[in-house]
Amino acid sequence: AMLGDQLALLGVKNGWAGVIMYGCIRDSGPIAG
């Protein structure tokens, strides 16, 4: 995985609209929220 809940939360806190990952993520449950 190249993105998990901690990195996704950084994206939220820093105002990113989204991430397109040509690869895998993890922590999909928390990221969905």
ModelCIF file with pLDDT and N, C-alpha, C, O atoms, coordinates in Angstrom:
data_MODEL
#
_entry.id   MODEL 
#
_entity.id                         1 
_entity.type                       polymer 
_entity.pdbx_number_of_molecules   1 
#
_entity_poly.entity_id                      1 
_entity_poly.type                           'polypeptide(L)' 
_entity_poly.nstd_linkage                   no 
_entity_poly.nstd_monomer                   no 
_entity_poly.pdbx_seq_one_letter_code       AMLGDQLALLGVKNGWAGVIMYGCIRDSGPIAG 
_entity_poly.pdbx_seq_one_letter_code_can   AMLGDQLALLGVKNGWAGVIMYGCIRDSGPIAG 
_entity_poly.pdbx_strand_id                 A 
#
loop_
_entity_poly_seq.entity_id 
_entity_poly_seq.num 
_entity_poly_seq.mon_id 
_entity_poly_seq.hetero 
1 1  ALA n 
1 2  MET n 
1 3  LEU n 
1 4  GLY n 
1 5  ASP n 
1 6  GLN n 
1 7  LEU n 
1 8  ALA n 
1 9  LEU n 
1 10 LEU n 
1 11 GLY n 
1 12 VAL n 
1 13 LYS n 
1 14 ASN n 
1 15 GLY n 
1 16 TRP n 
1 17 ALA n 
1 18 GLY n 
1 19 VAL n 
1 20 ILE n 
1 21 MET n 
1 22 TYR n 
1 23 GLY n 
1 24 CYS n 
1 25 ILE n 
1 26 ARG n 
1 27 ASP n 
1 28 SER n 
1 29 GLY n 
1 30 PRO n 
1 31 ILE n 
1 32 ALA n 
1 33 GLY n 
#
_struct_asym.id          A 
_struct_asym.entity_id   1 
#
loop_
_ma_qa_metric.id 
_ma_qa_metric.mode 
_ma_qa_metric.name 
_ma_qa_metric.software_group_id 
_ma_qa_metric.type 
1 global pLDDT . pLDDT 
2 local  pLDDT . pLDDT 
#
_ma_qa_metric_global.metric_id      1 
_ma_qa_metric_global.metric_value   98.00 
_ma_qa_metric_global.model_id       1 
_ma_qa_metric_global.ordinal_id     1 
#
loop_
_ma_qa_metric_local.label_asym_id 
_ma_qa_metric_local.label_comp_id 
_ma_qa_metric_local.label_seq_id 
_ma_qa_metric_local.metric_id 
_ma_qa_metric_local.metric_value 
_ma_qa_metric_local.model_id 
_ma_qa_metric_local.ordinal_id 
A ALA 1  2 98.00 1 1  
A MET 2  2 98.00 1 2  
A LEU 3  2 98.00 1 3  
A GLY 4  2 98.00 1 4  
A ASP 5  2 98.00 1 5  
A GLN 6  2 98.00 1 6  
A LEU 7  2 98.00 1 7  
A ALA 8  2 98.00 1 8  
A LEU 9  2 98.00 1 9  
A LEU 10 2 98.00 1 10 
A GLY 11 2 98.00 1 11 
A VAL 12 2 98.00 1 12 
A LYS 13 2 98.00 1 13 
A ASN 14 2 98.00 1 14 
A GLY 15 2 98.00 1 15 
A TRP 16 2 98.00 1 16 
A ALA 17 2 98.00 1 17 
A GLY 18 2 98.00 1 18 
A VAL 19 2 98.00 1 19 
A ILE 20 2 98.00 1 20 
A MET 21 2 98.00 1 21 
A TYR 22 2 98.00 1 22 
A GLY 23 2 98.00 1 23 
A CYS 24 2 98.00 1 24 
A ILE 25 2 98.00 1 25 
A ARG 26 2 98.00 1 26 
A ASP 27 2 98.00 1 27 
A SER 28 2 98.00 1 28 
A GLY 29 2 98.00 1 29 
A PRO 30 2 98.00 1 30 
A ILE 31 2 98.00 1 31 
A ALA 32 2 98.00 1 32 
A GLY 33 2 98.00 1 33 
#
loop_
_atom_site.group_PDB 
_atom_site.id 
_atom_site.type_symbol 
_atom_site.label_atom_id 
_atom_site.label_alt_id 
_atom_site.label_comp_id 
_atom_site.label_asym_id 
_atom_site.label_entity_id 
_atom_site.label_seq_id 
_atom_site.pdbx_PDB_ins_code 
_atom_site.Cartn_x 
_atom_site.Cartn_y 
_atom_site.Cartn_z 
_atom_site.occupancy 
_atom_site.B_iso_or_equiv 
_atom_site.pdbx_formal_charge 
_atom_site.auth_seq_id 
_atom_site.auth_comp_id 
_atom_site.auth_asym_id 
_atom_site.auth_atom_id 
_atom_site.pdbx_PDB_model_num 
ATOM 1   N N  . ALA A 1 1  ? 0.842   -1.201 0.000  1.00 98.00 ? 1  ALA A N  1 
ATOM 2   C CA . ALA A 1 1  ? 0.000   0.000  0.000  1.00 98.00 ? 1  ALA A CA 1 
ATOM 3   C C  . ALA A 1 1  ? 0.876   1.250  0.000  1.00 98.00 ? 1  ALA A C  1 
ATOM 4   O O  . ALA A 1 1  ? 1.923   1.296  0.645  1.00 98.00 ? 1  ALA A O  1 
ATOM 5   N N  . MET A 1 2  ? 0.423   2.253  -0.734 1.00 98.00 ? 2  MET A N  1 
ATOM 6   C CA . MET A 1 2  ? 1.152   3.517  -0.832 1.00 98.00 ? 2  MET A CA 1 
ATOM 7   C C  . MET A 1 2  ? 0.467   4.658  -0.095 1.00 98.00 ? 2  MET A C  1 
ATOM 8   O O  . MET A 1 2  ? 1.019   5.753  0.009  1.00 98.00 ? 2  MET A O  1 
ATOM 9   N N  . LEU A 1 3  ? -0.736  4.404  0.418  1.00 98.00 ? 3  LEU A N  1 
ATOM 10  C CA . LEU A 1 3  ? -1.500  5.412  1.158  1.00 98.00 ? 3  LEU A CA 1 
ATOM 11  C C  . LEU A 1 3  ? -2.329  4.679  2.191  1.00 98.00 ? 3  LEU A C  1 
ATOM 12  O O  . LEU A 1 3  ? -2.989  3.687  1.883  1.00 98.00 ? 3  LEU A O  1 
ATOM 13  N N  . GLY A 1 4  ? -2.292  5.173  3.425  1.00 98.00 ? 4  GLY A N  1 
ATOM 14  C CA . GLY A 1 4  ? -3.118  4.633  4.485  1.00 98.00 ? 4  GLY A CA 1 
ATOM 15  C C  . GLY A 1 4  ? -3.877  5.745  5.171  1.00 98.00 ? 4  GLY A C  1 
ATOM 16  O O  . GLY A 1 4  ? -3.874  6.886  4.710  1.00 98.00 ? 4  GLY A O  1 
ATOM 17  N N  . ASP A 1 5  ? -4.531  5.412  6.279  1.00 98.00 ? 5  ASP A N  1 
ATOM 18  C CA . ASP A 1 5  ? -5.376  6.405  6.938  1.00 98.00 ? 5  ASP A CA 1 
ATOM 19  C C  . ASP A 1 5  ? -4.594  7.600  7.462  1.00 98.00 ? 5  ASP A C  1 
ATOM 20  O O  . ASP A 1 5  ? -5.114  8.715  7.441  1.00 98.00 ? 5  ASP A O  1 
ATOM 21  N N  . GLN A 1 6  ? -3.376  7.412  7.927  1.00 98.00 ? 6  GLN A N  1 
ATOM 22  C CA . GLN A 1 6  ? -2.594  8.534  8.446  1.00 98.00 ? 6  GLN A CA 1 
ATOM 23  C C  . GLN A 1 6  ? -2.244  9.529  7.352  1.00 98.00 ? 6  GLN A C  1 
ATOM 24  O O  . GLN A 1 6  ? -2.323  10.740 7.558  1.00 98.00 ? 6  GLN A O  1 
ATOM 25  N N  . LEU A 1 7  ? -1.858  9.018  6.188  1.00 98.00 ? 7  LEU A N  1 
ATOM 26  C CA . LEU A 1 7  ? -1.527  9.919  5.084  1.00 98.00 ? 7  LEU A CA 1 
ATOM 27  C C  . LEU A 1 7  ? -2.779  10.572 4.500  1.00 98.00 ? 7  LEU A C  1 
ATOM 28  O O  . LEU A 1 7  ? -2.756  11.744 4.125  1.00 98.00 ? 7  LEU A O  1 
ATOM 29  N N  . ALA A 1 8  ? -3.868  9.811  4.426  1.00 98.00 ? 8  ALA A N  1 
ATOM 30  C CA . ALA A 1 8  ? -5.131  10.396 3.945  1.00 98.00 ? 8  ALA A CA 1 
ATOM 31  C C  . ALA A 1 8  ? -5.572  11.525 4.872  1.00 98.00 ? 8  ALA A C  1 
ATOM 32  O O  . ALA A 1 8  ? -6.052  12.559 4.409  1.00 98.00 ? 8  ALA A O  1 
ATOM 33  N N  . LEU A 1 9  ? -5.411  11.329 6.176  1.00 98.00 ? 9  LEU A N  1 
ATOM 34  C CA . LEU A 1 9  ? -5.776  12.370 7.136  1.00 98.00 ? 9  LEU A CA 1 
ATOM 35  C C  . LEU A 1 9  ? -4.905  13.615 6.953  1.00 98.00 ? 9  LEU A C  1 
ATOM 36  O O  . LEU A 1 9  ? -5.394  14.736 7.090  1.00 98.00 ? 9  LEU A O  1 
ATOM 37  N N  . LEU A 1 10 ? -3.625  13.426 6.646  1.00 98.00 ? 10 LEU A N  1 
ATOM 38  C CA . LEU A 1 10 ? -2.773  14.582 6.320  1.00 98.00 ? 10 LEU A CA 1 
ATOM 39  C C  . LEU A 1 10 ? -3.352  15.344 5.125  1.00 98.00 ? 10 LEU A C  1 
ATOM 40  O O  . LEU A 1 10 ? -3.381  16.574 5.114  1.00 98.00 ? 10 LEU A O  1 
ATOM 41  N N  . GLY A 1 11 ? -3.810  14.599 4.127  1.00 98.00 ? 11 GLY A N  1 
ATOM 42  C CA . GLY A 1 11 ? -4.422  15.230 2.956  1.00 98.00 ? 11 GLY A CA 1 
ATOM 43  C C  . GLY A 1 11 ? -5.650  16.040 3.317  1.00 98.00 ? 11 GLY A C  1 
ATOM 44  O O  . GLY A 1 11 ? -5.844  17.145 2.810  1.00 98.00 ? 11 GLY A O  1 
ATOM 45  N N  . VAL A 1 12 ? -6.488  15.488 4.197  1.00 98.00 ? 12 VAL A N  1 
ATOM 46  C CA . VAL A 1 12 ? -7.681  16.208 4.649  1.00 98.00 ? 12 VAL A CA 1 
ATOM 47  C C  . VAL A 1 12 ? -7.277  17.487 5.374  1.00 98.00 ? 12 VAL A C  1 
ATOM 48  O O  . VAL A 1 12 ? -7.779  18.569 5.069  1.00 98.00 ? 12 VAL A O  1 
ATOM 49  N N  . LYS A 1 13 ? -6.365  17.356 6.337  1.00 98.00 ? 13 LYS A N  1 
ATOM 50  C CA . LYS A 1 13 ? -5.950  18.503 7.161  1.00 98.00 ? 13 LYS A CA 1 
ATOM 51  C C  . LYS A 1 13 ? -5.285  19.595 6.346  1.00 98.00 ? 13 LYS A C  1 
ATOM 52  O O  . LYS A 1 13 ? -5.356  20.771 6.704  1.00 98.00 ? 13 LYS A O  1 
ATOM 53  N N  . ASN A 1 14 ? -4.637  19.215 5.248  1.00 98.00 ? 14 ASN A N  1 
ATOM 54  C CA . ASN A 1 14 ? -3.901  20.194 4.443  1.00 98.00 ? 14 ASN A CA 1 
ATOM 55  C C  . ASN A 1 14 ? -4.634  20.633 3.185  1.00 98.00 ? 14 ASN A C  1 
ATOM 56  O O  . ASN A 1 14 ? -4.042  21.276 2.318  1.00 98.00 ? 14 ASN A O  1 
ATOM 57  N N  . GLY A 1 15 ? -5.918  20.292 3.073  1.00 98.00 ? 15 GLY A N  1 
ATOM 58  C CA . GLY A 1 15 ? -6.756  20.849 2.019  1.00 98.00 ? 15 GLY A CA 1 
ATOM 59  C C  . GLY A 1 15 ? -6.619  20.229 0.643  1.00 98.00 ? 15 GLY A C  1 
ATOM 60  O O  . GLY A 1 15 ? -6.892  20.891 -0.358 1.00 98.00 ? 15 GLY A O  1 
ATOM 61  N N  . TRP A 1 16 ? -6.200  18.965 0.568  1.00 98.00 ? 16 TRP A N  1 
ATOM 62  C CA . TRP A 1 16 ? -6.154  18.272 -0.719 1.00 98.00 ? 16 TRP A CA 1 
ATOM 63  C C  . TRP A 1 16 ? -7.558  17.801 -1.078 1.00 98.00 ? 16 TRP A C  1 
ATOM 64  O O  . TRP A 1 16 ? -8.291  17.317 -0.215 1.00 98.00 ? 16 TRP A O  1 
ATOM 65  N N  . ALA A 1 17 ? -7.935  17.940 -2.351 1.00 98.00 ? 17 ALA A N  1 
ATOM 66  C CA . ALA A 1 17 ? -9.254  17.474 -2.798 1.00 98.00 ? 17 ALA A CA 1 
ATOM 67  C C  . ALA A 1 17 ? -9.270  15.967 -2.936 1.00 98.00 ? 17 ALA A C  1 
ATOM 68  O O  . ALA A 1 17 ? -10.276 15.321 -2.642 1.00 98.00 ? 17 ALA A O  1 
ATOM 69  N N  . GLY A 1 18 ? -8.141  15.394 -3.389 1.00 98.00 ? 18 GLY A N  1 
ATOM 70  C CA . GLY A 1 18 ? -8.133  13.958 -3.596 1.00 98.00 ? 18 GLY A CA 1 
ATOM 71  C C  . GLY A 1 18 ? -6.781  13.416 -3.975 1.00 98.00 ? 18 GLY A C  1 
ATOM 72  O O  . GLY A 1 18 ? -5.815  14.151 -4.176 1.00 98.00 ? 18 GLY A O  1 
ATOM 73  N N  . VAL A 1 19 ? -6.744  12.077 -4.067 1.00 98.00 ? 19 VAL A N  1 
ATOM 74  C CA . VAL A 1 19 ? -5.550  11.343 -4.468 1.00 98.00 ? 19 VAL A CA 1 
ATOM 75  C C  . VAL A 1 19 ? -5.976  10.285 -5.486 1.00 98.00 ? 19 VAL A C  1 
ATOM 76  O O  . VAL A 1 19 ? -6.922  9.532  -5.258 1.00 98.00 ? 19 VAL A O  1 
ATOM 77  N N  . ILE A 1 20 ? -5.267  10.243 -6.604 1.00 98.00 ? 20 ILE A N  1 
ATOM 78  C CA . ILE A 1 20 ? -5.417  9.164  -7.573 1.00 98.00 ? 20 ILE A CA 1 
ATOM 79  C C  . ILE A 1 20 ? -4.167  8.305  -7.417 1.00 98.00 ? 20 ILE A C  1 
ATOM 80  O O  . ILE A 1 20 ? -3.057  8.765  -7.684 1.00 98.00 ? 20 ILE A O  1 
ATOM 81  N N  . MET A 1 21 ? -4.345  7.061  -6.988 1.00 98.00 ? 21 MET A N  1 
ATOM 82  C CA . MET A 1 21 ? -3.213  6.183  -6.698 1.00 98.00 ? 21 MET A CA 1 
ATOM 83  C C  . MET A 1 21 ? -3.173  5.041  -7.715 1.00 98.00 ? 21 MET A C  1 
ATOM 84  O O  . MET A 1 21 ? -4.004  4.134  -7.677 1.00 98.00 ? 21 MET A O  1 
ATOM 85  N N  . TYR A 1 22 ? -2.201  5.098  -8.619 1.00 98.00 ? 22 TYR A N  1 
ATOM 86  C CA . TYR A 1 22 ? -1.989  3.996  -9.554 1.00 98.00 ? 22 TYR A CA 1 
ATOM 87  C C  . TYR A 1 22 ? -1.164  2.938  -8.822 1.00 98.00 ? 22 TYR A C  1 
ATOM 88  O O  . TYR A 1 22 ? 0.002   2.684  -9.125 1.00 98.00 ? 22 TYR A O  1 
ATOM 89  N N  . GLY A 1 23 ? -1.835  2.343  -7.852 1.00 98.00 ? 23 GLY A N  1 
ATOM 90  C CA . GLY A 1 23 ? -1.271  1.366  -6.942 1.00 98.00 ? 23 GLY A CA 1 
ATOM 91  C C  . GLY A 1 23 ? -2.316  1.069  -5.887 1.00 98.00 ? 23 GLY A C  1 
ATOM 92  O O  . GLY A 1 23 ? -3.512  1.241  -6.124 1.00 98.00 ? 23 GLY A O  1 
ATOM 93  N N  . CYS A 1 24 ? -1.869  0.624  -4.723 1.00 98.00 ? 24 CYS A N  1 
ATOM 94  C CA . CYS A 1 24 ? -2.795  0.203  -3.659 1.00 98.00 ? 24 CYS A CA 1 
ATOM 95  C C  . CYS A 1 24 ? -2.803  1.162  -2.479 1.00 98.00 ? 24 CYS A C  1 
ATOM 96  O O  . CYS A 1 24 ? -1.872  1.938  -2.265 1.00 98.00 ? 24 CYS A O  1 
ATOM 97  N N  . ILE A 1 25 ? -3.890  1.077  -1.724 1.00 98.00 ? 25 ILE A N  1 
ATOM 98  C CA . ILE A 1 25 ? -4.015  1.774  -0.449 1.00 98.00 ? 25 ILE A CA 1 
ATOM 99  C C  . ILE A 1 25 ? -4.327  0.739  0.625  1.00 98.00 ? 25 ILE A C  1 
ATOM 100 O O  . ILE A 1 25 ? -4.578  -0.426 0.319  1.00 98.00 ? 25 ILE A O  1 
ATOM 101 N N  . ARG A 1 26 ? -4.311  1.169  1.882  1.00 98.00 ? 26 ARG A N  1 
ATOM 102 C CA . ARG A 1 26 ? -4.769  0.327  2.982  1.00 98.00 ? 26 ARG A CA 1 
ATOM 103 C C  . ARG A 1 26 ? -5.583  1.189  3.931  1.00 98.00 ? 26 ARG A C  1 
ATOM 104 O O  . ARG A 1 26 ? -5.710  2.395  3.722  1.00 98.00 ? 26 ARG A O  1 
ATOM 105 N N  . ASP A 1 27 ? -6.129  0.585  4.961  1.00 98.00 ? 27 ASP A N  1 
ATOM 106 C CA . ASP A 1 27 ? -7.009  1.309  5.901  1.00 98.00 ? 27 ASP A CA 1 
ATOM 107 C C  . ASP A 1 27 ? -8.230  1.866  5.182  1.00 98.00 ? 27 ASP A C  1 
ATOM 108 O O  . ASP A 1 27 ? -8.651  2.994  5.442  1.00 98.00 ? 27 ASP A O  1 
ATOM 109 N N  . SER A 1 28 ? -8.790  1.078  4.285  1.00 98.00 ? 28 SER A N  1 
ATOM 110 C CA . SER A 1 28 ? -9.902  1.560  3.462  1.00 98.00 ? 28 SER A CA 1 
ATOM 111 C C  . SER A 1 28 ? -11.131 1.911  4.289  1.00 98.00 ? 28 SER A C  1 
ATOM 112 O O  . SER A 1 28 ? -11.873 2.818  3.913  1.00 98.00 ? 28 SER A O  1 
ATOM 113 N N  . GLY A 1 29 ? -11.368 1.228  5.398  1.00 98.00 ? 29 GLY A N  1 
ATOM 114 C CA . GLY A 1 29 ? -12.516 1.551  6.255  1.00 98.00 ? 29 GLY A CA 1 
ATOM 115 C C  . GLY A 1 29 ? -12.449 2.966  6.786  1.00 98.00 ? 29 GLY A C  1 
ATOM 116 O O  . GLY A 1 29 ? -13.377 3.742  6.559  1.00 98.00 ? 29 GLY A O  1 
ATOM 117 N N  . PRO A 1 30 ? -11.368 3.336  7.495  1.00 98.00 ? 30 PRO A N  1 
ATOM 118 C CA . PRO A 1 30 ? -11.265 4.718  7.981  1.00 98.00 ? 30 PRO A CA 1 
ATOM 119 C C  . PRO A 1 30 ? -11.237 5.757  6.853  1.00 98.00 ? 30 PRO A C  1 
ATOM 120 O O  . PRO A 1 30 ? -11.818 6.833  6.995  1.00 98.00 ? 30 PRO A O  1 
ATOM 121 N N  . ILE A 1 31 ? -10.576 5.449  5.747  1.00 98.00 ? 31 ILE A N  1 
ATOM 122 C CA . ILE A 1 31 ? -10.489 6.404  4.639  1.00 98.00 ? 31 ILE A CA 1 
ATOM 123 C C  . ILE A 1 31 ? -11.871 6.693  4.057  1.00 98.00 ? 31 ILE A C  1 
ATOM 124 O O  . ILE A 1 31 ? -12.131 7.806  3.598  1.00 98.00 ? 31 ILE A O  1 
ATOM 125 N N  . ALA A 1 32 ? -12.752 5.702  4.073  1.00 98.00 ? 32 ALA A N  1 
ATOM 126 C CA . ALA A 1 32 ? -14.109 5.891  3.543  1.00 98.00 ? 32 ALA A CA 1 
ATOM 127 C C  . ALA A 1 32 ? -14.881 6.958  4.308  1.00 98.00 ? 32 ALA A C  1 
ATOM 128 O O  . ALA A 1 32 ? -15.826 7.536  3.772  1.00 98.00 ? 32 ALA A O  1 
ATOM 129 N N  . GLY A 1 33 ? -14.496 7.227  5.546  1.00 98.00 ? 33 GLY A N  1 
ATOM 130 C CA . GLY A 1 33 ? -15.171 8.241  6.351  1.00 98.00 ? 33 GLY A CA 1 
ATOM 131 C C  . GLY A 1 33 ? -14.506 9.608  6.309  1.00 98.00 ? 33 GLY A C  1 
ATOM 132 O O  . GLY A 1 33 ? -14.982 10.546 6.948  1.00 98.00 ? 33 GLY A O  1 
#
